[in-house]
Protein backbone atom coordinates (compact mmCIF):
# COMPACT_ATOMS: atom_id res chain seq x y z
CA MET A 1 93.27 76.41 93.42
CA GLN A 2 94.05 75.21 89.99
CA ASP A 3 90.36 74.77 89.06
CA PHE A 4 90.30 78.36 89.95
CA VAL A 5 92.59 79.52 87.63
CA GLN A 6 91.02 77.59 85.17
CA TRP A 7 87.50 79.67 85.40
CA PHE A 8 89.38 82.80 85.38
CA ARG A 9 91.24 82.53 82.36
CA GLN A 10 87.61 80.88 80.89
CA ALA A 11 86.08 84.27 82.05
CA ALA A 12 88.70 86.63 80.35
CA PRO A 13 86.64 86.92 77.06
CA TYR A 14 83.63 87.65 79.56
CA ILE A 15 85.00 90.59 81.01
CA HIS A 16 86.89 92.04 78.64
CA ALA A 17 83.36 91.77 76.59
CA PHE A 18 80.50 93.21 79.47
CA ARG A 19 83.02 96.30 79.93
CA GLY A 20 80.84 99.40 79.03
CA ARG A 21 77.56 97.03 78.78
CA THR A 22 74.25 97.82 80.07
CA PHE A 23 72.90 94.64 82.08
CA VAL A 24 69.19 94.77 83.62
CA ILE A 25 68.26 92.92 86.30
CA ALA A 26 65.35 92.15 87.51
CA LEU A 27 63.95 90.11 90.59
CA GLY A 28 61.05 89.67 93.21
CA GLY A 29 60.66 91.05 96.15
CA GLU A 30 61.01 87.20 97.80
CA VAL A 31 64.89 87.68 97.21
CA VAL A 32 64.85 90.44 99.37
CA ARG A 33 62.52 88.80 102.17
CA ASP A 34 64.21 85.24 101.62
CA GLY A 35 68.25 86.55 102.63
CA LYS A 36 68.95 86.02 99.33
CA PHE A 37 70.14 90.69 98.19
CA ALA A 38 72.61 90.22 100.60
CA THR A 39 74.73 87.75 98.68
CA LEU A 40 73.40 88.87 95.49
CA THR A 41 75.03 92.27 96.79
CA HIS A 42 78.03 90.88 96.15
CA ASP A 43 77.81 89.89 92.49
CA ILE A 44 76.85 92.74 91.90
CA ASN A 45 79.81 95.00 93.14
CA LEU A 46 81.97 92.77 90.94
CA LEU A 47 79.86 93.62 87.95
CA THR A 48 79.84 97.00 88.84
CA SER A 49 83.53 96.92 89.42
CA LEU A 50 84.25 95.02 86.10
CA GLY A 51 82.37 98.32 84.52
CA VAL A 52 79.05 96.80 83.31
CA ARG A 53 75.94 99.77 83.24
CA LEU A 54 73.20 98.13 85.70
CA ILE A 55 69.67 98.53 86.26
CA VAL A 56 68.41 96.50 89.31
CA VAL A 57 64.46 96.65 88.72
CA HIS A 58 62.79 95.07 92.17
CA GLY A 59 59.64 93.68 93.30
CA ALA A 60 58.00 94.18 95.97
CA ARG A 61 54.93 91.20 95.82
CA PRO A 62 55.65 89.10 99.37
CA GLN A 63 56.09 92.28 100.66
CA ILE A 64 52.56 93.97 99.74
CA GLU A 65 50.87 90.62 100.83
CA ALA A 66 52.15 91.23 104.25
CA ARG A 67 51.38 94.48 104.46
CA MET A 68 47.91 94.17 103.48
CA ALA A 69 47.95 90.81 105.63
CA GLU A 70 48.41 92.92 108.31
CA ARG A 71 45.33 95.27 107.38
CA HIS A 72 43.39 92.27 107.17
CA LEU A 73 42.88 92.89 102.95
CA GLU A 74 42.19 90.15 100.79
CA PRO A 75 44.73 90.64 97.94
CA GLN A 76 41.90 90.41 94.64
CA TYR A 77 43.94 89.43 91.38
CA HIS A 78 42.53 88.87 87.56
CA ASN A 79 44.63 86.95 85.32
CA GLY A 80 47.85 87.13 87.84
CA VAL A 81 47.84 90.39 88.24
CA ARG A 82 46.66 92.60 90.96
CA VAL A 83 43.64 94.15 91.23
CA THR A 84 45.10 98.17 92.76
CA ASP A 85 42.46 100.12 94.92
CA GLN A 86 42.92 102.82 97.09
CA GLN A 87 43.62 100.64 100.81
CA ALA A 88 45.76 98.31 98.16
CA LEU A 89 47.96 101.26 96.65
CA GLU A 90 48.48 102.30 99.91
CA CYS A 91 50.21 98.93 101.16
CA VAL A 92 52.22 99.28 97.16
CA ILE A 93 53.93 102.48 98.33
CA GLN A 94 54.59 101.52 101.71
CA ALA A 95 55.79 97.99 100.57
CA ALA A 96 58.10 99.26 97.83
CA GLY A 97 59.24 102.19 99.67
CA HIS A 98 60.74 99.80 102.69
CA VAL A 99 62.13 97.04 99.83
CA ARG A 100 64.01 100.10 98.34
CA VAL A 101 65.48 101.29 100.99
CA GLU A 102 66.38 97.62 101.96
CA ILE A 103 68.16 97.43 98.93
CA GLU A 104 69.98 101.01 99.14
CA SER A 105 71.30 99.33 102.60
CA TRP A 106 73.02 96.52 101.36
CA LEU A 107 74.50 98.28 98.45
CA SER A 108 75.74 100.39 101.06
CA MET A 109 77.88 98.31 103.00
CA GLY A 110 81.43 98.10 103.09
CA LEU A 111 82.88 96.18 105.50
CA ALA A 112 86.65 95.15 105.54
CA ASN A 113 87.21 91.68 104.91
CA SER A 114 84.35 90.85 102.72
CA PRO A 115 83.28 90.92 98.99
CA MET A 116 81.90 94.35 99.98
CA ALA A 117 85.54 95.74 100.82
CA ASN A 118 86.08 99.12 99.40
CA ALA A 119 82.95 99.11 97.57
CA ASP A 120 81.69 102.60 95.89
CA ILE A 121 78.33 101.81 94.50
CA ARG A 122 75.86 104.99 93.98
CA VAL A 123 72.83 104.10 93.66
CA SER A 124 70.08 106.41 91.93
CA ALA A 125 66.18 106.02 92.39
CA GLY A 126 63.43 108.10 91.55
CA ASN A 127 60.71 108.78 88.61
CA PHE A 128 62.53 107.02 85.61
CA VAL A 129 59.19 104.81 84.75
CA THR A 130 56.08 106.99 83.24
CA ALA A 131 53.11 105.13 83.31
CA GLN A 132 48.96 105.08 82.63
CA PRO A 133 46.26 102.87 83.78
CA MET A 134 46.59 99.00 82.26
CA GLY A 135 41.77 99.78 82.63
CA VAL A 136 39.25 97.76 82.47
CA ARG A 137 40.37 94.16 80.78
CA ASP A 138 37.15 91.73 80.38
CA GLY A 139 34.87 94.10 83.18
CA ILE A 140 37.62 94.03 85.61
CA ASP A 141 39.02 97.94 86.59
CA LEU A 142 42.21 97.18 87.74
CA GLN A 143 41.88 100.31 89.10
CA TYR A 144 45.41 101.88 90.28
CA THR A 145 47.33 98.46 88.09
CA GLY A 146 49.10 100.38 85.62
CA GLU A 147 51.66 99.35 82.66
CA VAL A 148 55.03 101.15 81.52
CA ARG A 149 53.94 104.69 78.93
CA LYS A 150 57.18 106.07 78.78
CA ILE A 151 60.79 104.82 80.12
CA ASP A 152 62.77 108.04 80.76
CA THR A 153 66.48 106.90 78.93
CA THR A 154 67.57 110.16 79.06
CA ALA A 155 67.12 111.12 82.85
CA ILE A 156 68.59 107.27 83.44
CA ASN A 157 72.06 106.62 81.21
CA TYR A 158 72.78 110.40 82.82
CA ARG A 159 73.20 108.37 86.10
CA LEU A 160 74.96 105.60 84.34
CA ASP A 161 77.61 107.35 82.61
CA ASP A 162 78.90 108.84 85.83
CA GLY A 163 79.43 105.45 87.39
CA GLU A 164 75.79 104.94 88.59
CA MET A 165 74.10 101.90 89.62
CA VAL A 166 69.88 103.00 88.63
CA LEU A 167 67.18 101.25 90.95
CA LEU A 168 63.99 100.91 89.47
CA SER A 169 60.63 99.59 91.69
CA THR A 170 57.68 98.65 90.05
CA ILE A 171 55.42 102.15 91.04
CA GLY A 172 55.02 104.11 87.92
CA TYR A 173 54.20 107.85 87.57
CA SER A 174 51.50 109.60 84.95
CA PRO A 175 51.72 112.96 83.71
CA THR A 176 48.53 114.10 86.30
CA GLY A 177 50.30 113.30 89.24
CA GLU A 178 48.71 109.57 90.05
CA ILE A 179 50.76 106.70 90.50
CA PHE A 180 49.80 103.66 89.72
CA ASN A 181 51.27 99.84 90.74
CA LEU A 182 52.66 98.13 87.72
CA THR A 183 54.46 94.39 87.38
CA LEU A 184 57.69 93.47 87.74
CA GLU A 185 58.41 92.02 83.92
CA ASP A 186 56.70 95.26 82.87
CA VAL A 187 58.64 97.41 84.14
CA ALA A 188 61.99 95.01 82.85
CA THR A 189 61.15 94.59 80.25
CA SER A 190 60.37 98.10 78.84
CA ALA A 191 63.11 99.40 80.53
CA ALA A 192 66.02 96.82 78.75
CA ILE A 193 63.95 97.70 75.29
CA ALA A 194 63.98 101.47 75.68
CA LEU A 195 67.25 101.12 77.12
CA LYS A 196 68.49 98.65 74.31
CA ALA A 197 70.48 97.05 77.09
CA ASP A 198 72.98 94.20 76.18
CA LYS A 199 71.10 91.51 78.45
CA LEU A 200 68.13 91.65 80.71
CA LEU A 201 68.21 88.64 83.22
CA PHE A 202 65.26 87.82 85.57
CA MET A 203 66.04 86.73 88.65
CA PHE A 204 63.36 84.05 89.94
CA GLY A 205 62.54 80.99 91.93
CA SER A 206 63.01 77.81 89.00
CA GLN A 207 65.67 76.70 87.69
CA GLY A 208 64.78 78.32 83.50
CA VAL A 209 63.15 76.86 80.88
CA VAL A 210 62.68 72.46 81.92
CA ASP A 211 61.18 70.12 79.26
CA GLU A 212 59.02 67.06 80.88
CA ALA A 213 62.70 64.86 80.58
CA GLY A 214 63.49 66.72 82.99
CA GLU A 215 66.72 68.91 81.00
CA LEU A 216 67.45 71.74 80.86
CA GLN A 217 67.08 74.49 78.25
CA THR A 218 70.19 76.59 78.40
CA GLU A 219 69.87 77.70 75.53
CA LEU A 220 66.92 78.99 72.23
CA THR A 221 65.72 80.70 70.37
CA ALA A 222 63.05 83.35 70.07
CA VAL A 223 60.66 81.56 67.81
CA GLU A 224 62.38 78.12 69.50
CA ALA A 225 61.02 79.50 72.57
CA GLU A 226 57.97 80.35 71.20
CA GLN A 227 57.29 76.95 70.10
CA PHE A 228 58.50 75.62 73.47
CA LEU A 229 55.33 76.97 74.91
CA ALA A 230 53.17 75.85 72.73
CA ASP A 231 54.16 72.28 73.34
CA HIS A 232 54.19 72.81 77.18
CA PRO A 233 50.33 74.40 78.22
CA ASN A 234 51.56 72.84 81.62
CA VAL A 235 55.23 74.50 82.43
CA ASN A 236 55.78 76.01 85.45
CA GLU A 237 54.03 79.49 86.43
CA ASP A 238 57.79 81.49 86.20
CA VAL A 239 58.53 80.41 82.84
CA GLN A 240 54.31 80.52 82.02
CA LEU A 241 55.41 85.00 83.48
CA TYR A 242 59.03 85.69 82.22
CA LEU A 243 59.22 83.63 78.89
CA PRO A 244 56.85 85.33 76.82
CA CYS A 245 59.20 88.84 78.55
CA ALA A 246 62.34 87.46 77.26
CA ILE A 247 61.15 86.83 73.84
CA ARG A 248 59.32 90.15 73.53
CA ALA A 249 62.99 91.79 74.69
CA VAL A 250 64.98 90.16 72.58
CA ARG A 251 62.57 90.32 69.70
CA TYR A 252 63.03 94.14 69.91
CA GLY A 253 66.46 95.10 70.49
CA VAL A 254 67.86 93.16 73.66
CA LYS A 255 70.91 91.03 72.54
CA ARG A 256 70.12 88.65 75.00
CA ALA A 257 67.81 87.61 78.03
CA HIS A 258 68.19 85.39 80.69
CA LEU A 259 66.08 82.66 83.00
CA VAL A 260 68.05 82.16 86.29
CA THR A 261 67.67 80.64 89.45
CA HIS A 262 67.79 82.93 92.71
CA HIS A 263 68.30 80.23 94.58
CA VAL A 264 72.03 79.15 93.65
CA ASP A 265 74.37 81.19 95.53
CA GLY A 266 76.47 82.78 92.24
CA SER A 267 74.15 81.89 89.53
CA LEU A 268 73.82 84.87 88.50
CA LEU A 269 77.89 84.77 88.03
CA MET A 270 77.62 81.41 86.60
CA GLU A 271 75.34 82.52 84.02
CA LEU A 272 77.27 85.32 82.81
CA PHE A 273 81.04 84.12 83.11
CA THR A 274 80.66 80.69 82.22
CA HIS A 275 80.13 78.82 78.78
CA ASP A 276 77.41 76.96 79.53
CA GLY A 277 75.39 79.05 82.56
CA ILE A 278 73.28 77.42 84.75
CA GLY A 279 70.16 79.04 83.21
CA THR A 280 68.15 79.70 80.13
CA MET A 281 69.31 82.51 77.28
CA ILE A 282 66.81 83.52 75.13
CA SER A 283 68.31 85.21 71.72
CA ARG A 284 66.59 86.40 68.52
CA ALA A 285 68.70 84.49 66.24
CA SER A 286 70.67 81.35 66.31
CA LEU A 287 73.73 82.14 68.93
CA GLU A 288 75.79 80.07 66.21
CA THR A 289 77.55 81.54 62.62
CA LEU A 290 79.79 79.94 60.18
CA ARG A 291 81.53 82.73 58.30
CA HIS A 292 84.85 83.44 56.25
CA ALA A 293 87.25 83.93 58.39
CA THR A 294 89.24 86.99 59.05
CA ILE A 295 92.63 88.45 60.58
CA ASP A 296 91.39 89.40 63.39
CA ASP A 297 90.11 85.77 64.19
CA ILE A 298 93.54 84.14 64.12
CA GLY A 299 94.54 84.12 67.78
CA GLY A 300 90.95 82.39 67.65
CA MET A 301 92.10 79.64 65.77
CA LEU A 302 95.52 79.59 66.78
CA ALA A 303 94.05 78.57 70.32
CA LEU A 304 92.07 75.41 68.73
CA ILE A 305 95.01 74.47 66.17
CA GLU A 306 97.79 74.39 69.03
CA PRO A 307 96.76 72.01 71.51
CA LEU A 308 96.41 68.92 68.06
CA GLU A 309 99.39 70.38 66.54
CA ASP A 310 101.34 68.99 69.90
CA GLN A 311 99.77 66.41 69.50
CA GLY A 312 100.39 65.16 65.99
CA VAL A 313 97.01 65.66 65.23
CA LEU A 314 97.26 68.51 62.70
CA VAL A 315 100.26 69.63 60.93
CA LYS A 316 102.47 72.47 62.47
CA ARG A 317 101.16 75.48 60.84
CA GLY A 318 102.48 78.87 62.29
CA ARG A 319 100.49 82.40 62.62
CA GLU A 320 102.33 84.14 59.70
CA LEU A 321 100.97 80.64 57.18
CA LEU A 322 97.57 81.40 59.07
CA GLU A 323 97.44 84.80 58.05
CA ARG A 324 98.73 84.54 54.52
CA GLU A 325 96.18 82.12 53.62
CA VAL A 326 93.17 82.92 56.11
CA HIS A 327 90.68 83.56 52.49
CA ARG A 328 90.82 80.01 52.58
CA TYR A 329 89.85 78.90 56.87
CA SER A 330 85.98 79.24 57.52
CA VAL A 331 85.08 79.43 61.28
CA LEU A 332 82.26 78.54 62.80
CA GLU A 333 81.66 80.48 65.94
CA HIS A 334 78.81 80.42 69.46
CA ASP A 335 78.36 84.06 70.96
CA GLY A 336 81.44 85.63 69.79
CA LYS A 337 83.48 82.78 70.69
CA ILE A 338 85.61 80.46 67.61
CA ILE A 339 84.20 76.73 68.24
CA GLY A 340 85.66 75.76 65.08
CA ILE A 341 87.45 76.11 61.94
CA VAL A 342 88.24 74.06 58.27
CA ALA A 343 90.27 75.39 55.36
CA ILE A 344 89.90 74.67 51.76
CA HIS A 345 92.88 74.62 49.48
CA PRO A 346 91.42 74.19 45.60
CA PHE A 347 93.56 72.47 42.95
CA ALA A 348 92.17 73.76 39.26
CA ASP A 349 94.26 71.58 37.43
CA SER A 350 93.01 68.76 39.02
CA LYS A 351 89.40 69.96 39.77
CA MET A 352 90.19 68.07 43.48
CA ALA A 353 90.17 70.31 46.52
CA GLU A 354 91.69 69.32 49.41
CA LEU A 355 89.41 69.69 52.98
CA ALA A 356 92.05 70.48 55.58
CA CYS A 357 92.54 72.14 59.23
CA LEU A 358 88.50 70.33 60.01
CA VAL A 359 88.70 71.42 64.05
CA ILE A 360 86.14 71.54 66.62
CA HIS A 361 86.44 72.45 70.27
CA PRO A 362 86.18 69.96 72.58
CA ASP A 363 82.99 71.02 74.28
CA TYR A 364 81.35 71.85 70.98
CA ARG A 365 81.67 68.40 69.28
CA ASP A 366 78.39 66.15 70.50
CA GLU A 367 76.01 67.50 67.85
CA ASP A 368 78.61 66.61 64.95
CA ARG A 369 79.07 70.30 64.02
CA GLY A 370 82.05 68.67 61.99
CA ALA A 371 79.34 67.41 59.80
CA ASP A 372 78.00 70.99 59.33
CA LEU A 373 81.76 72.47 58.09
CA LEU A 374 82.23 69.03 55.83
CA ARG A 375 78.64 70.63 53.52
CA HIS A 376 79.91 74.07 54.02
CA VAL A 377 83.50 72.97 52.22
CA GLU A 378 81.68 70.57 50.13
CA GLN A 379 79.67 73.27 48.65
CA GLN A 380 82.28 76.02 48.01
CA ALA A 381 84.32 73.35 46.18
CA ARG A 382 80.96 72.35 43.89
CA GLY A 383 81.10 76.66 43.79
CA LEU A 384 84.63 76.33 42.25
CA GLY A 385 83.78 73.95 39.86
CA MET A 386 85.86 71.07 41.86
CA GLU A 387 84.82 67.63 41.28
CA LYS A 388 86.65 65.84 43.97
CA LEU A 389 87.49 66.60 47.42
CA PHE A 390 90.31 64.84 49.34
CA ALA A 391 92.06 64.80 52.79
CA LEU A 392 94.68 63.64 54.65
CA THR A 393 94.47 62.29 58.34
CA THR A 394 96.57 60.27 60.93
CA ARG A 395 93.88 59.71 63.81
CA THR A 396 90.22 60.20 61.90
CA SER A 397 90.21 57.60 58.86
CA HIS A 398 86.45 56.31 60.80
CA TRP A 399 85.05 59.62 60.64
CA PHE A 400 85.76 60.62 56.91
CA VAL A 401 84.68 56.65 55.84
CA GLU A 402 81.03 57.47 57.61
CA ARG A 403 80.78 60.81 55.54
CA GLY A 404 81.30 58.98 52.26
CA PHE A 405 84.98 59.50 51.83
CA THR A 406 86.47 55.81 50.40
CA GLN A 407 90.34 55.52 51.27
CA ALA A 408 93.27 56.55 47.98
CA THR A 409 96.55 56.36 47.86
CA VAL A 410 98.69 58.88 47.54
CA GLU A 411 98.72 58.50 43.49
CA VAL A 412 95.43 60.22 42.95
CA LEU A 413 96.49 63.21 44.67
CA PRO A 414 97.26 66.61 42.21
CA ILE A 415 100.78 66.51 41.51
CA GLU A 416 101.32 69.94 43.64
CA LYS A 417 100.08 68.10 47.01
CA LYS A 418 102.15 64.97 45.45
CA GLN A 419 104.88 66.74 46.09
CA LEU A 420 104.81 67.93 49.18
CA TYR A 421 103.40 64.72 51.29
CA ASN A 422 104.86 63.73 53.93
CA TYR A 423 106.08 60.53 54.27
CA GLN A 424 106.72 59.95 57.84
CA ARG A 425 103.76 61.34 58.74
CA ARG A 426 102.12 58.94 56.49
CA SER A 427 98.94 60.19 56.20
CA LYS A 428 95.83 58.51 54.91
CA VAL A 429 94.19 59.81 52.08
CA PHE A 430 90.45 59.63 51.45
CA ILE A 431 88.67 61.11 49.03
CA LYS A 432 85.07 61.96 47.96
CA PRO A 433 83.24 62.67 44.59
CA LEU A 434 81.24 65.87 44.49
CA ALA A 435 77.84 64.84 43.59
CA ARG A 436 76.19 67.71 41.00
């Protein structure tokens, strides 16, 4: 129960941030075929109840294959894309319609004593996707295989604003009334870009982006993701298919794209409501920013500082003092969450500056972000004309020594700081000259 309480508290910022946001969730037909959509329905219901605007895009490849097998038709592919002739198109229409009805039936459940109890998910589906033929590629006529030409964002937003969940299939319609078979990744990516979605989530069979050592890459920028594909030409087919789509999405305005396995029960919630997630998140640029603190950051700063104050690592600072001196502080943000703090206090007459209140969240101490904050303060100090940097500490002497500080006496401190020195606390003084 304590673990649940802790998780729920940690999820609170995400719950607040996701309300009113637009998410596009793409899932293949195998999720429905394997019975996984039943439990995924519970998670979709939870997101809906939290005020998330949802567009679910479903595929139907295994269902199409089954229909074609019943008719003794041989599937044809070119570069991983189905060649859709008239007979294959009939199977596509039947399979997509069947999957859509099955999904809607699951979303309509409201059984007592289940996660769907009192659920009121209204599902809207229709001709929201305008398509055009792919045409002839490498001498192969793809016939009724198409690509997205336009997403009717006005109609979709109208339904989202009315509290409905929008369901898109991989069938598109041309202005001349033709029907085209589209790819799941094309529909999902095009919809996310057109709607300026906050998140695009691909639910697929792999764990996420994994390197040769089996290490999951939990976060990548678009540039890092492109480099990964270049360096790992033999990465699994799922990643080859969906990672370029994720890169394209974030490059065209989608805030985050996620590659998440559908084989783990609750993976959608774990990816969205935990710090590290369970899959791979792609962003356009680095998720971390180092900036000057503002009055709005005080709450997040106190959350980091107070545990260390209680342990005696840091000197007690009240909210009022932080508010008065907020212009002295800088914060390190990770995806909107404050994970680091540092302050600079210049003493102009002595041409010395104090590095103070350097704190990194315990979950983010493995990549020496403290060194980044130190460099930031050193740069600030040089800009103010300071010649030396000093710090007072009771617990982290070695950290400062390893970064070029030497221990000194209280006598070297600026007069103003020396007068405030707490002899009961007996902090050690470390000083570092600032090279020009």
